[in-house]
Amino acid sequence: MSRLKAASKFKTSNRILYVFGIVFFCYLSLLSFSKYNAKYANTFANLIPGICFILFALFVFYYIISLPGIYVYADKIELHRYFGLLKRTLFLSEIESWITLEKESKYGNYEELYLTLNNKEIVKLSSYDYANFYEVQAEIIRNKPKNNVLKEQLNKKENLKYAVVFFLIGCLFIYIACQFYKDTSLTTNDIYVIKEKLADDIKLERSKKSTSLVFRLENLSDFKFKIGSLALKETYYEDLMSDFKKGDLIYLTIEKEQYEKKISKKIPISVLDEYFYYEKIDVVEVENKTFKYLSLSDYNKTNRQNDYWGIGFFGIFGVALTIAGICIYLKK
């Protein structure tokens, strides 16, 4: 049996980052899927980003398990993938030449090693995920010639890859901007009025990123009714807090879908809503017999303004990335 001369070691920090990425993309996917309801056709669009995010998570997982463990012996190289279930052997005599390309990354520069085999196949290995890659690389390329012609070919191929990635991400951003463009303003058919007594005084809750007005109701103590930061700007919240105290009767208007999911239980609740957002219910209108402290039209206006920011951000970057992808392709 050949003597083992060098074996690769994976970077622990990278593995932790990849696992975090998988969890994060799964969370975003659940967030998108939770906004889909088969009974409402206008929620179908939420399936698209949900599917994209879960595909991203699967891609990261596939990347982790397909990353090879590299074992260099006196006469061969072994690449172990998929938890060691798949093993490929390359004899050193098969390697005709090599070239390395330097890459830049936010977390530090790295190199990609390309090996040209005698059957014209090209094998790529990257130093990014290995703690001792250059030690392994030195053993692989020992006494092998450098292939400078291959460098130009690889650069052209990489530019094409960037062009495709920029174009696809740009199209995705444009699609998201189109979703923001749709007017999702609530109508009188989309809301439900709750008439209950306050269990506590109305409170103003502040955090680092937002400020919310919170209502607790006597017969619905499981829930925290909130007016968020955007709608709070259109709310006479100081008068509201002064006019209503614990035990007073108040009229709170919420989305009918939220009422049917969380209170009346007519609609099945999503997993994400049940475990992360069950307690919170957004208030879209507050009134007494003579005055509206927050009207439905003002609530819709604040949310529409937020949509315009989404249209601008995703639209501008989407168009820019799409054009960049086309320009890189035409140039290279």
Foldseek 3Di string as FASTA:
>chain_A
DFDWDDKWAFDPVVVVVLVVLLVVLQVQLLVLVLQDDPVDPLSVVSNVSSVVSNVVSVVSVQCVQAQWIWIDTPFWIWTAGRVRPDIDIGGLVQFAAKEKDWDQDPVGIWIKIWTQGPVRDIDIHICVGTPCVVSVVCRSCPPHYHDPVVVVVVVLVVLLVLLVVLQVLLVVLQSQLVSLVDQPQDDPVFKDKDKFFFQFQWDWDDDPPWIWIWTAGDVPNQATEIATRLQVVQFPVVVVSVVHGGGDIWIFMFTPVLCCDQPVNVGDRRPCCVPPVNRYTYTQWTDDPPDTRHDSVSSSVSSSVVSVVSSVPSVVSSVVSSVVSVVSNVVD
